[in-house]
C-alpha atoms as a PDB file:
ATOM      1  CA  MET A   1      90.236  51.497  59.107  1.00  0.00           C
ATOM      2  CA  LEU A   2      86.733  52.966  58.944  1.00  0.00           C
ATOM      3  CA  ASN A   3      85.801  56.312  60.501  1.00  0.00           C
ATOM      4  CA  THR A   4      82.554  55.482  62.291  1.00  0.00           C
ATOM      5  CA  GLU A   5      79.984  58.181  63.841  1.00  0.00           C
ATOM      6  CA  ARG A   6      77.006  57.438  65.796  1.00  0.00           C
ATOM      7  CA  TYR A   7      74.216  59.611  65.801  1.00  0.00           C
ATOM      8  CA  LEU A   8      70.700  59.756  68.112  1.00  0.00           C
ATOM      9  CA  CYS A   9      67.158  60.411  66.451  1.00  0.00           C
ATOM     10  CA  GLU A  10      65.302  63.049  68.422  1.00  0.00           C
ATOM     11  CA  LYS A  11      62.322  63.643  66.269  1.00  0.00           C
ATOM     12  CA  VAL A  12      60.409  61.630  63.516  1.00  0.00           C
ATOM     13  CA  GLU A  13      61.955  62.357  60.002  1.00  0.00           C
ATOM     14  CA  ARG A  14      63.380  60.821  57.028  1.00  0.00           C
ATOM     15  CA  LEU A  15      66.724  59.389  57.237  1.00  0.00           C
ATOM     16  CA  ASP A  16      68.217  61.217  54.418  1.00  0.00           C
ATOM     17  CA  THR A  17      66.900  64.506  55.838  1.00  0.00           C
ATOM     18  CA  PHE A  18      68.473  63.576  59.346  1.00  0.00           C
ATOM     19  CA  LEU A  19      71.777  62.820  57.979  1.00  0.00           C
ATOM     20  CA  THR A  20      72.165  65.713  55.627  1.00  0.00           C
ATOM     21  CA  ALA A  21      71.742  67.925  58.666  1.00  0.00           C
ATOM     22  CA  LYS A  22      74.177  65.927  60.797  1.00  0.00           C
ATOM     23  CA  ILE A  23      76.827  65.327  58.424  1.00  0.00           C
ATOM     24  CA  GLY A  24      76.512  68.541  56.208  1.00  0.00           C
ATOM     25  CA  LYS A  25      76.636  66.725  52.914  1.00  0.00           C
ATOM     26  CA  THR A  26      74.087  66.642  50.226  1.00  0.00           C
ATOM     27  CA  ARG A  27      71.140  64.305  49.755  1.00  0.00           C
ATOM     28  CA  SER A  28      72.429  62.602  46.705  1.00  0.00           C
ATOM     29  CA  GLN A  29      75.825  62.135  48.855  1.00  0.00           C
ATOM     30  CA  ILE A  30      73.954  60.447  51.602  1.00  0.00           C
ATOM     31  CA  ALA A  31      71.964  58.238  49.171  1.00  0.00           C
ATOM     32  CA  ALA A  32      75.301  57.257  47.813  1.00  0.00           C
ATOM     33  CA  LEU A  33      76.462  56.184  51.508  1.00  0.00           C
ATOM     34  CA  ILE A  34      73.455  54.406  52.067  1.00  0.00           C
ATOM     35  CA  LYS A  35      73.688  52.549  48.552  1.00  0.00           C
ATOM     36  CA  ASN A  36      77.262  51.640  49.552  1.00  0.00           C
ATOM     37  CA  GLY A  37      75.758  50.000  52.769  1.00  0.00           C
ATOM     38  CA  ALA A  38      77.533  52.344  55.115  1.00  0.00           C
ATOM     39  CA  VAL A  39      74.519  53.422  57.085  1.00  0.00           C
ATOM     40  CA  TYR A  40      72.940  51.346  59.949  1.00  0.00           C
ATOM     41  CA  ILE A  41      69.609  51.960  62.032  1.00  0.00           C
ATOM     42  CA  ASP A  42      69.988  50.088  65.404  1.00  0.00           C
ATOM     43  CA  GLU A  43      72.799  48.050  64.000  1.00  0.00           C
ATOM     44  CA  LYS A  44      70.640  47.038  61.124  1.00  0.00           C
ATOM     45  CA  LYS A  45      71.966  48.021  57.560  1.00  0.00           C
ATOM     46  CA  VAL A  46      69.530  50.311  55.777  1.00  0.00           C
ATOM     47  CA  ALA A  47      69.052  50.170  51.970  1.00  0.00           C
ATOM     48  CA  ARG A  48      66.663  53.073  51.378  1.00  0.00           C
ATOM     49  CA  PRO A  49      67.113  56.985  52.047  1.00  0.00           C
ATOM     50  CA  GLY A  50      63.695  57.747  52.528  1.00  0.00           C
ATOM     51  CA  VAL A  51      62.967  55.312  55.511  1.00  0.00           C
ATOM     52  CA  LYS A  52      61.364  57.038  58.620  1.00  0.00           C
ATOM     53  CA  LEU A  53      63.162  57.438  61.678  1.00  0.00           C
ATOM     54  CA  LYS A  54      61.652  57.148  65.180  1.00  0.00           C
ATOM     55  CA  VAL A  55      62.501  58.941  68.093  1.00  0.00           C
ATOM     56  CA  GLY A  56      65.405  57.199  70.265  1.00  0.00           C
ATOM     57  CA  GLN A  57      66.755  55.113  67.426  1.00  0.00           C
ATOM     58  CA  GLN A  58      70.661  54.969  67.086  1.00  0.00           C
ATOM     59  CA  ILE A  59      72.039  55.671  63.534  1.00  0.00           C
ATOM     60  CA  ARG A  60      75.798  54.487  62.793  1.00  0.00           C
ATOM     61  CA  VAL A  61      77.624  55.574  59.791  1.00  0.00           C
ATOM     62  CA  GLU A  62      80.839  54.087  58.567  1.00  0.00           C
ATOM     63  CA  PHE A  63      82.671  56.591  56.500  1.00  0.00           C
ATOM     64  CA  PRO A  64      85.212  55.033  53.925  1.00  0.00           C
ATOM     65  CA  GLU A  65      88.461  56.109  54.153  1.00  0.00           C
ATOM     66  CA  VAL A  66      89.806  58.468  51.692  1.00  0.00           C
ATOM     67  CA  LYS A  67      92.867  57.299  49.681  1.00  0.00           C
ATOM     68  CA  GLU A  68      94.859  60.413  48.879  1.00  0.00           C
ATOM     69  CA  SER A  69      97.162  59.758  45.993  1.00  0.00           C
ATOM     70  CA  GLN A  70     100.717  61.674  45.758  1.00  0.00           C
ATOM     71  CA  ALA A  71     100.933  64.663  44.044  1.00  0.00           C
ATOM     72  CA  GLN A  72     103.638  65.018  41.422  1.00  0.00           C
ATOM     73  CA  ALA A  73     105.850  67.890  41.257  1.00  0.00           C
ATOM     74  CA  VAL A  74     104.264  70.400  39.129  1.00  0.00           C
ATOM     75  CA  ASP A  75     106.467  72.389  36.514  1.00  0.00           C
ATOM     76  CA  PHE A  76     103.686  74.461  34.883  1.00  0.00           C
ATOM     77  CA  ASP A  77     101.228  77.162  35.823  1.00  0.00           C
ATOM     78  CA  VAL A  78      97.688  77.742  34.980  1.00  0.00           C
ATOM     79  CA  GLU A  79      96.150  81.086  34.358  1.00  0.00           C
ATOM     80  CA  ILE A  80      93.274  82.004  36.570  1.00  0.00           C
ATOM     81  CA  LEU A  81      90.404  83.692  35.221  1.00  0.00           C
ATOM     82  CA  TYR A  82      88.279  84.111  38.498  1.00  0.00           C
ATOM     83  CA  GLU A  83      88.488  82.688  41.874  1.00  0.00           C
ATOM     84  CA  ASP A  84      86.109  82.992  44.906  1.00  0.00           C
ATOM     85  CA  ASP A  85      85.157  81.009  47.885  1.00  0.00           C
ATOM     86  CA  ASP A  86      83.232  78.189  45.827  1.00  0.00           C
ATOM     87  CA  LEU A  87      84.925  77.917  42.442  1.00  0.00           C
ATOM     88  CA  LEU A  88      87.658  78.534  40.387  1.00  0.00           C
ATOM     89  CA  VAL A  89      87.800  79.264  36.530  1.00  0.00           C
ATOM     90  CA  ILE A  90      90.934  78.388  34.865  1.00  0.00           C
ATOM     91  CA  ASN A  91      92.605  78.556  31.409  1.00  0.00           C
ATOM     92  CA  LYS A  92      93.757  75.111  30.791  1.00  0.00           C
ATOM     93  CA  PRO A  93      97.094  75.040  29.035  1.00  0.00           C
ATOM     94  CA  SER A  94      97.436  72.573  25.951  1.00  0.00           C
ATOM     95  CA  GLY A  95      99.450  69.582  26.613  1.00  0.00           C
ATOM     96  CA  VAL A  96      98.283  69.140  30.356  1.00  0.00           C
ATOM     97  CA  THR A  97      96.298  66.282  31.107  1.00  0.00           C
ATOM     98  CA  VAL A  98      93.403  66.637  33.478  1.00  0.00           C
ATOM     99  CA  HIS A  99      93.374  63.541  35.533  1.00  0.00           C
ATOM    100  CA  PRO A 100      96.153  61.119  36.503  1.00  0.00           C
ATOM    101  CA  ALA A 101      95.903  57.554  35.182  1.00  0.00           C
ATOM    102  CA  PRO A 102      98.555  54.882  35.025  1.00  0.00           C
ATOM    103  CA  SER A 103      99.639  55.801  31.453  1.00  0.00           C
ATOM    104  CA  VAL A 104     100.129  59.496  32.460  1.00  0.00           C
ATOM    105  CA  LYS A 105     103.892  59.941  33.597  1.00  0.00           C
ATOM    106  CA  GLU A 106     103.734  63.687  33.675  1.00  0.00           C
ATOM    107  CA  PRO A 107     102.057  66.007  36.287  1.00  0.00           C
ATOM    108  CA  THR A 108      98.265  66.746  35.680  1.00  0.00           C
ATOM    109  CA  LEU A 109      95.714  69.354  36.274  1.00  0.00           C
ATOM    110  CA  VAL A 110      94.712  67.655  39.442  1.00  0.00           C
ATOM    111  CA  ASP A 111      98.427  67.890  40.815  1.00  0.00           C
ATOM    112  CA  TRP A 112      98.197  71.477  40.353  1.00  0.00           C
ATOM    113  CA  LEU A 113      94.818  71.745  42.013  1.00  0.00           C
ATOM    114  CA  LYS A 114      96.436  69.705  44.750  1.00  0.00           C
ATOM    115  CA  HIS A 115      99.447  72.121  45.093  1.00  0.00           C
ATOM    116  CA  LYS A 116      96.901  74.963  45.332  1.00  0.00           C
ATOM    117  CA  GLY A 117      95.105  73.225  48.184  1.00  0.00           C
ATOM    118  CA  ILE A 118      91.928  72.372  46.546  1.00  0.00           C
ATOM    119  CA  ARG A 119      90.786  68.847  47.524  1.00  0.00           C
ATOM    120  CA  LEU A 120      87.223  67.698  47.785  1.00  0.00           C
ATOM    121  CA  SER A 121      87.391  64.889  50.184  1.00  0.00           C
ATOM    122  CA  THR A 122      84.089  63.257  49.740  1.00  0.00           C
ATOM    123  CA  ILE A 123      82.058  60.583  51.648  1.00  0.00           C
ATOM    124  CA  SER A 124      82.163  58.407  48.604  1.00  0.00           C
ATOM    125  CA  GLY A 125      85.758  57.522  49.525  1.00  0.00           C
ATOM    126  CA  GLU A 126      87.255  58.807  46.424  1.00  0.00           C
ATOM    127  CA  GLU A 127      89.289  62.081  46.648  1.00  0.00           C
ATOM    128  CA  ARG A 128      87.760  64.531  43.966  1.00  0.00           C
ATOM    129  CA  HIS A 129      89.434  67.703  43.080  1.00  0.00           C
ATOM    130  CA  GLY A 130      86.618  69.875  41.876  1.00  0.00           C
ATOM    131  CA  ILE A 131      86.827  68.587  38.219  1.00  0.00           C
ATOM    132  CA  VAL A 132      83.242  69.352  36.997  1.00  0.00           C
ATOM    133  CA  HIS A 133      84.076  68.483  33.273  1.00  0.00           C
ATOM    134  CA  ARG A 134      87.265  67.599  31.400  1.00  0.00           C
ATOM    135  CA  LEU A 135      89.044  68.941  28.325  1.00  0.00           C
ATOM    136  CA  ASP A 136      91.414  66.472  26.261  1.00  0.00           C
ATOM    137  CA  LYS A 137      95.034  67.055  26.998  1.00  0.00           C
ATOM    138  CA  GLY A 138      95.868  68.903  23.802  1.00  0.00           C
ATOM    139  CA  THR A 139      92.843  71.154  24.161  1.00  0.00           C
ATOM    140  CA  SER A 140      93.273  74.513  25.763  1.00  0.00           C
ATOM    141  CA  GLY A 141      90.709  76.938  27.457  1.00  0.00           C
ATOM    142  CA  ALA A 142      88.087  77.555  30.081  1.00  0.00           C
ATOM    143  CA  MET A 143      87.123  75.247  32.732  1.00  0.00           C
ATOM    144  CA  VAL A 144      85.410  75.593  35.871  1.00  0.00           C
ATOM    145  CA  VAL A 145      86.468  73.717  39.106  1.00  0.00           C
ATOM    146  CA  ALA A 146      84.567  73.562  42.117  1.00  0.00           C
ATOM    147  CA  LYS A 147      86.137  74.263  45.478  1.00  0.00           C
ATOM    148  CA  ASN A 148      83.452  72.396  47.780  1.00  0.00           C
ATOM    149  CA  ASN A 149      81.002  69.619  47.345  1.00  0.00           C
ATOM    150  CA  GLU A 150      78.038  71.855  47.528  1.00  0.00           C
ATOM    151  CA  ALA A 151      79.135  73.992  44.462  1.00  0.00           C
ATOM    152  CA  HIS A 152      80.527  70.584  42.698  1.00  0.00           C
ATOM    153  CA  GLU A 153      77.061  69.208  42.970  1.00  0.00           C
ATOM    154  CA  PHE A 154      75.324  72.572  41.809  1.00  0.00           C
ATOM    155  CA  LEU A 155      77.548  72.963  38.760  1.00  0.00           C
ATOM    156  CA  SER A 156      77.541  69.131  37.848  1.00  0.00           C
ATOM    157  CA  LYS A 157      73.498  69.437  37.578  1.00  0.00           C
ATOM    158  CA  GLN A 158      74.037  72.418  35.344  1.00  0.00           C
ATOM    159  CA  LEU A 159      76.303  70.484  33.176  1.00  0.00           C
ATOM    160  CA  GLN A 160      73.636  67.755  32.764  1.00  0.00           C
ATOM    161  CA  ASP A 161      70.657  69.935  32.294  1.00  0.00           C
ATOM    162  CA  LYS A 162      72.305  72.012  29.670  1.00  0.00           C
ATOM    163  CA  SER A 163      72.146  75.205  31.614  1.00  0.00           C
ATOM    164  CA  MET A 164      75.982  75.403  31.442  1.00  0.00           C
ATOM    165  CA  GLY A 165      77.195  76.542  28.068  1.00  0.00           C
ATOM    166  CA  ARG A 166      80.234  75.721  26.392  1.00  0.00           C
ATOM    167  CA  TYR A 167      81.671  77.300  22.990  1.00  0.00           C
ATOM    168  CA  TYR A 168      85.015  76.122  21.250  1.00  0.00           C
ATOM    169  CA  LEU A 169      87.033  77.626  18.546  1.00  0.00           C
ATOM    170  CA  ALA A 170      88.874  75.485  16.001  1.00  0.00           C
ATOM    171  CA  PHE A 171      90.830  75.895  12.843  1.00  0.00           C
ATOM    172  CA  VAL A 172      89.779  73.169  10.366  1.00  0.00           C
ATOM    173  CA  THR A 173      90.678  72.239   7.060  1.00  0.00           C
ATOM    174  CA  PRO A 174      89.095  72.069   4.594  1.00  0.00           C
ATOM    175  CA  PRO A 175      86.370  74.699   5.278  1.00  0.00           C
ATOM    176  CA  LEU A 176      82.879  73.734   5.929  1.00  0.00           C
ATOM    177  CA  LYS A 177      80.527  74.600   3.005  1.00  0.00           C
ATOM    178  CA  ASP A 178      77.548  75.929   5.028  1.00  0.00           C
ATOM    179  CA  ASP A 179      77.371  79.077   7.279  1.00  0.00           C
ATOM    180  CA  VAL A 180      75.969  76.670  10.120  1.00  0.00           C
ATOM    181  CA  THR A 181      76.143  72.831  10.350  1.00  0.00           C
ATOM    182  CA  ILE A 182      74.301  70.687  12.941  1.00  0.00           C
ATOM    183  CA  ILE A 183      75.353  66.915  13.617  1.00  0.00           C
ATOM    184  CA  GLU A 184      73.560  64.828  15.432  1.00  0.00           C
ATOM    185  CA  SER A 185      74.925  61.139  15.828  1.00  0.00           C
ATOM    186  CA  ASN A 186      75.538  58.235  18.254  1.00  0.00           C
ATOM    187  CA  ILE A 187      79.369  58.470  19.120  1.00  0.00           C
ATOM    188  CA  GLY A 188      81.212  55.220  20.586  1.00  0.00           C
ATOM    189  CA  ARG A 189      84.458  53.410  20.632  1.00  0.00           C
ATOM    190  CA  SER A 190      85.846  52.786  17.066  1.00  0.00           C
ATOM    191  CA  SER A 191      86.058  49.238  16.305  1.00  0.00           C
ATOM    192  CA  HIS A 192      88.843  49.950  14.055  1.00  0.00           C
ATOM    193  CA  ASN A 193      91.122  51.995  16.311  1.00  0.00           C
ATOM    194  CA  ARG A 194      90.849  51.991  20.064  1.00  0.00           C
ATOM    195  CA  LEU A 195      92.511  55.225  20.380  1.00  0.00           C
ATOM    196  CA  LYS A 196      89.420  56.654  18.452  1.00  0.00           C
ATOM    197  CA  MET A 197      86.026  57.450  18.879  1.00  0.00           C
ATOM    198  CA  ALA A 198      83.645  56.927  16.008  1.00  0.00           C
ATOM    199  CA  SER A 199      80.201  58.483  14.690  1.00  0.00           C
ATOM    200  CA  GLY A 200      77.127  56.418  13.934  1.00  0.00           C
ATOM    201  CA  VAL A 201      78.048  53.666  16.247  1.00  0.00           C
ATOM    202  CA  GLU A 202      75.074  51.332  16.870  1.00  0.00           C
ATOM    203  CA  HIS A 203      75.385  51.302  20.605  1.00  0.00           C
ATOM    204  CA  GLY A 204      77.191  54.625  21.015  1.00  0.00           C
ATOM    205  CA  LYS A 205      75.694  57.732  23.058  1.00  0.00           C
ATOM    206  CA  TYR A 206      73.672  60.617  21.274  1.00  0.00           C
ATOM    207  CA  ALA A 207      75.606  63.568  20.777  1.00  0.00           C
ATOM    208  CA  LYS A 208      74.929  66.850  19.109  1.00  0.00           C
ATOM    209  CA  THR A 209      77.334  69.548  17.889  1.00  0.00           C
ATOM    210  CA  VAL A 210      76.581  72.717  16.097  1.00  0.00           C
ATOM    211  CA  PHE A 211      79.501  74.401  14.130  1.00  0.00           C
ATOM    212  CA  LYS A 212      79.365  78.021  12.981  1.00  0.00           C
ATOM    213  CA  ASN A 213      81.817  79.411  10.074  1.00  0.00           C
ATOM    214  CA  LEU A 214      83.563  82.758  11.512  1.00  0.00           C
ATOM    215  CA  ALA A 215      86.485  83.503   9.208  1.00  0.00           C
ATOM    216  CA  LEU A 216      88.464  82.005   6.141  1.00  0.00           C
ATOM    217  CA  SER A 217      92.076  82.224   5.923  1.00  0.00           C
ATOM    218  CA  PHE A 218      93.851  84.414   3.311  1.00  0.00           C
ATOM    219  CA  ASP A 219      94.492  81.272   1.082  1.00  0.00           C
ATOM    220  CA  GLU A 220      90.928  79.891   1.915  1.00  0.00           C
ATOM    221  CA  LYS A 221      92.274  76.535   2.796  1.00  0.00           C
ATOM    222  CA  VAL A 222      91.731  77.122   6.571  1.00  0.00           C
ATOM    223  CA  GLN A 223      88.558  77.921   8.381  1.00  0.00           C
ATOM    224  CA  LEU A 224      88.045  79.597  11.959  1.00  0.00           C
ATOM    225  CA  ILE A 225      84.734  77.945  13.530  1.00  0.00           C
ATOM    226  CA  ALA A 226      82.907  78.100  16.559  1.00  0.00           C
ATOM    227  CA  CYS A 227      81.678  74.952  18.075  1.00  0.00           C
ATOM    228  CA  LYS A 228      78.686  74.358  20.487  1.00  0.00           C
ATOM    229  CA  LEU A 229      78.283  71.163  22.672  1.00  0.00           C
ATOM    230  CA  PHE A 230      74.939  70.152  23.388  1.00  0.00           C
ATOM    231  CA  THR A 231      76.385  66.884  24.785  1.00  0.00           C
ATOM    232  CA  GLY A 232      79.839  66.012  26.145  1.00  0.00           C
ATOM    233  CA  ARG A 233      81.041  62.752  24.666  1.00  0.00           C
ATOM    234  CA  THR A 234      84.644  61.903  24.596  1.00  0.00           C
ATOM    235  CA  HIS A 235      86.435  63.734  21.130  1.00  0.00           C
ATOM    236  CA  GLN A 236      82.939  64.823  20.298  1.00  0.00           C
ATOM    237  CA  ILE A 237      83.975  67.834  18.175  1.00  0.00           C
ATOM    238  CA  ARG A 238      86.816  66.025  16.434  1.00  0.00           C
ATOM    239  CA  VAL A 239      84.579  62.812  15.752  1.00  0.00           C
ATOM    240  CA  HIS A 240      81.647  65.111  14.093  1.00  0.00           C
ATOM    241  CA  LEU A 241      84.270  67.064  11.865  1.00  0.00           C
ATOM    242  CA  GLU A 242      85.735  63.819  10.754  1.00  0.00           C
ATOM    243  CA  SER A 243      82.181  62.549   9.829  1.00  0.00           C
ATOM    244  CA  LEU A 244      82.104  65.738   7.538  1.00  0.00           C
ATOM    245  CA  ASN A 245      85.536  64.597   6.134  1.00  0.00           C
ATOM    246  CA  ARG A 246      87.168  67.623   7.983  1.00  0.00           C
ATOM    247  CA  HIS A 247      89.825  68.024  10.678  1.00  0.00           C
ATOM    248  CA  ILE A 248      91.511  70.148  13.157  1.00  0.00           C
ATOM    249  CA  LEU A 249      95.034  71.520  12.328  1.00  0.00           C
ATOM    250  CA  GLY A 250      97.494  69.794  14.724  1.00  0.00           C
ATOM    251  CA  ASP A 251      94.812  66.736  15.429  1.00  0.00           C
ATOM    252  CA  HIS A 252      97.043  63.630  14.464  1.00  0.00           C
ATOM    253  CA  ILE A 253      94.427  61.197  15.500  1.00  0.00           C
ATOM    254  CA  TYR A 254      91.617  62.202  13.483  1.00  0.00           C
ATOM    255  CA  ALA A 255      93.644  64.013  10.647  1.00  0.00           C
ATOM    256  CA  LEU A 256      92.817  63.122   6.971  1.00  0.00           C
ATOM    257  CA  ALA A 257      96.394  63.969   6.083  1.00  0.00           C
ATOM    258  CA  PRO A 258      98.651  63.765   8.756  1.00  0.00           C
ATOM    259  CA  LYS A 259     102.059  64.488   6.862  1.00  0.00           C
ATOM    260  CA  GLN A 260     100.681  67.738   6.053  1.00  0.00           C
ATOM    261  CA  GLU A 261     100.210  68.751   9.389  1.00  0.00           C
ATOM    262  CA  LYS A 262     102.629  71.729  10.692  1.00  0.00           C
ATOM    263  CA  ALA A 263     100.855  72.995  13.863  1.00  0.00           C
ATOM    264  CA  GLU A 264     102.543  72.495  17.267  1.00  0.00           C
ATOM    265  CA  ARG A 265      99.449  71.333  19.099  1.00  0.00           C
ATOM    266  CA  ILE A 266      95.645  70.746  18.197  1.00  0.00           C
ATOM    267  CA  LEU A 267      94.108  74.220  17.486  1.00  0.00           C
ATOM    268  CA  LEU A 268      91.026  73.578  19.365  1.00  0.00           C
ATOM    269  CA  HIS A 269      90.308  75.897  22.157  1.00  0.00           C
ATOM    270  CA  ALA A 270      87.437  76.024  24.962  1.00  0.00           C
ATOM    271  CA  TYR A 271      86.926  79.740  24.371  1.00  0.00           C
ATOM    272  CA  LEU A 272      83.736  80.726  26.336  1.00  0.00           C
ATOM    273  CA  ILE A 273      81.724  79.205  29.432  1.00  0.00           C
ATOM    274  CA  TYR A 274      78.747  80.429  31.157  1.00  0.00           C
ATOM    275  CA  PHE A 275      76.843  79.177  34.001  1.00  0.00           C
ATOM    276  CA  MET A 276      75.012  80.105  37.290  1.00  0.00           C
ATOM    277  CA  HIS A 277      77.012  80.801  40.367  1.00  0.00           C
ATOM    278  CA  PRO A 278      75.948  78.047  43.024  1.00  0.00           C
ATOM    279  CA  LYS A 279      75.614  80.948  45.893  1.00  0.00           C
ATOM    280  CA  SER A 280      74.458  84.071  44.122  1.00  0.00           C
ATOM    281  CA  ASN A 281      72.754  82.327  41.292  1.00  0.00           C
ATOM    282  CA  GLU A 282      74.219  85.132  38.989  1.00  0.00           C
ATOM    283  CA  LYS A 283      74.877  84.020  35.507  1.00  0.00           C
ATOM    284  CA  LEU A 284      78.617  84.303  34.685  1.00  0.00           C
ATOM    285  CA  PHE A 285      80.514  84.421  31.506  1.00  0.00           C
ATOM    286  CA  PHE A 286      84.051  83.985  30.913  1.00  0.00           C
ATOM    287  CA  THR A 287      86.483  83.700  28.050  1.00  0.00           C
ATOM    288  CA  ALA A 288      89.653  81.996  27.783  1.00  0.00           C
ATOM    289  CA  PRO A 289      92.674  84.234  26.105  1.00  0.00           C
ATOM    290  CA  PHE A 290      94.488  82.320  23.381  1.00  0.00           C
ATOM    291  CA  ASP A 291      98.128  80.958  23.914  1.00  0.00           C
ATOM    292  CA  ASN A 292     101.020  82.142  21.584  1.00  0.00           C
ATOM    293  CA  ILE A 293     100.522  79.278  18.949  1.00  0.00           C
ATOM    294  CA  ILE A 294      96.693  80.178  18.210  1.00  0.00           C
ATOM    295  CA  LYS A 295      97.726  83.900  18.012  1.00  0.00           C
ATOM    296  CA  ASP A 296     100.377  83.064  15.549  1.00  0.00           C
ATOM    297  CA  GLU A 297      97.918  81.159  13.578  1.00  0.00           C
ATOM    298  CA  ILE A 298      95.627  84.130  13.331  1.00  0.00           C
ATOM    299  CA  GLU A 299      98.473  86.722  12.721  1.00  0.00           C
ATOM    300  CA  LYS A 300      99.973  84.591   9.798  1.00  0.00           C
ATOM    301  CA  LYS A 301      96.698  83.435   8.132  1.00  0.00           C
ATOM    302  CA  PHE A 302      93.702  85.541   8.820  1.00  0.00           C
ATOM    303  CA  ASP A 303      92.512  89.045   8.921  1.00  0.00           C
ATOM    304  CA  LYS A 304      93.064  90.201  12.700  1.00  0.00           C
ATOM    305  CA  GLU A 305      90.075  92.812  12.308  1.00  0.00           C
ATOM    306  CA  ILE A 306      87.877  90.135  11.000  1.00  0.00           C
ATOM    307  CA  VAL A 307      88.717  87.570  13.659  1.00  0.00           C
ATOM    308  CA  ASN A 308      88.180  90.180  16.487  1.00  0.00           C
ATOM    309  CA  GLU A 309      84.884  90.981  15.421  1.00  0.00           C
ATOM    310  CA  VAL A 310      83.469  87.319  14.871  1.00  0.00           C
ATOM    311  CA  ILE A 311      84.989  86.075  18.216  1.00  0.00           C
ATOM    312  CA  ASP A 312      83.104  88.740  20.194  1.00  0.00           C
ATOM    313  CA  PRO A 313      81.269  86.367  22.804  1.00  0.00           C
ATOM    314  CA  ASN A 314      78.083  88.125  22.099  1.00  0.00           C
ATOM    315  CA  TYR A 315      78.418  87.593  18.500  1.00  0.00           C
ATOM    316  CA  ILE A 316      79.071  84.094  18.825  1.00  0.00           C
ATOM    317  CA  ILE A 317      76.122  83.569  21.354  1.00  0.00           C
ATOM    318  CA  ARG A 318      73.788  85.326  19.239  1.00  0.00           C
ATOM    319  CA  SER A 319      74.892  83.105  16.267  1.00  0.00           C
ATOM    320  CA  PHE A 320      74.140  79.909  17.929  1.00  0.00           C
ATOM    321  CA  THR A 321      70.779  81.109  19.580  1.00  0.00           C
ATOM    322  CA  ALA A 322      69.603  81.848  15.747  1.00  0.00           C
ATOM    323  CA  ALA A 323      70.920  78.609  14.499  1.00  0.00           C
ATOM    324  CA  SER A 324      69.601  76.044  17.214  1.00  0.00           C
END
C-alpha cells in the first residue's frame, strides 16, 4: 500500500524547491519521485520538477513502499576505521560480498550494516544501506558508507567528479617493466567468458588506471604495486593488468597460470581513500591495515623496511601526482 501525503502551496515557488523543504529530501531525490509519476498538482500528474506552483494549489505525493529484505545472520566482524553521525569508514574483509544477490548464499556487508542499524530508507522505494562504492568479494580494504541520504548524495558526487581518491595495493607477477604504467581502454563484458570483463571492447566503457612500482620480492618474481583508479569499472585493475600479461597473486579468474597460484586470496587491497566530509568539508584520509595473509606475504617475500617506506600514504600520493 502506498503512503500518501498532501501539502498546500502558500507561496509561488518551484515544485522541487517546495517538496525539498516539505519532505526533507534532496532535489535529485524529488526529481526521481516526479519522474516515477508519484507527484500530483490538483490531482493532475506532474512531469517536470521545475513547474511553478500557485498559491492554494494542492500537492499530493505517493511514496512507494520500501521493501525490506531480511538480513542473514552475520558470522563475521568488520573493522571500523572511522565513524560519526554521517558516515562510516570500514576495512572490508576479503571473502565478504558487498550486496545480496540470488547467487549469494552467505551473509553480505549489507547484512552487517543492517545489524548495525544503518538503513537508508529512500523515497525511490528501494532500501539502500549507504553503499557509495563497491569492492569485489575477494578484495579487502577501505570503503566509505553513508549513514543518511544527504551524506550518500554528497559522497556519490565526489565519486563521480573524481574528487574522491582511491589507491589500491596489489602483488603482481611477473613484475611490470616501467616504474609508472598508464592504461586507458574501454572495458566491457568478455565475449569468451561471461565471468570476465575484457579490455579494448568496442562498446565498453572508458577506463583509466595508473600503476606505480613499489617493491620487488627477494626472488624478483613478485612485485608490490600501487594502483590509482580514475574510473570505477568492474574488475578494472585486474583487466588492465591482464592486458599487460600480468596478474594479481590469488586471482583465479584473470590468472595466466592458475595451477601455480598458492595465495589463499586475491592479493588486492583498497589501501587508501580520501574525500571531503559532507558536513565539515574537511578533506579526510584513511588507510586500511593489512590482514594476516598480506602481512605474511610481505614477511616471507619482501624487505619489510623498504615496504614500510613505499606504502607511506604521502609517498604514494606524491608518486601519482607526479605521474598523472
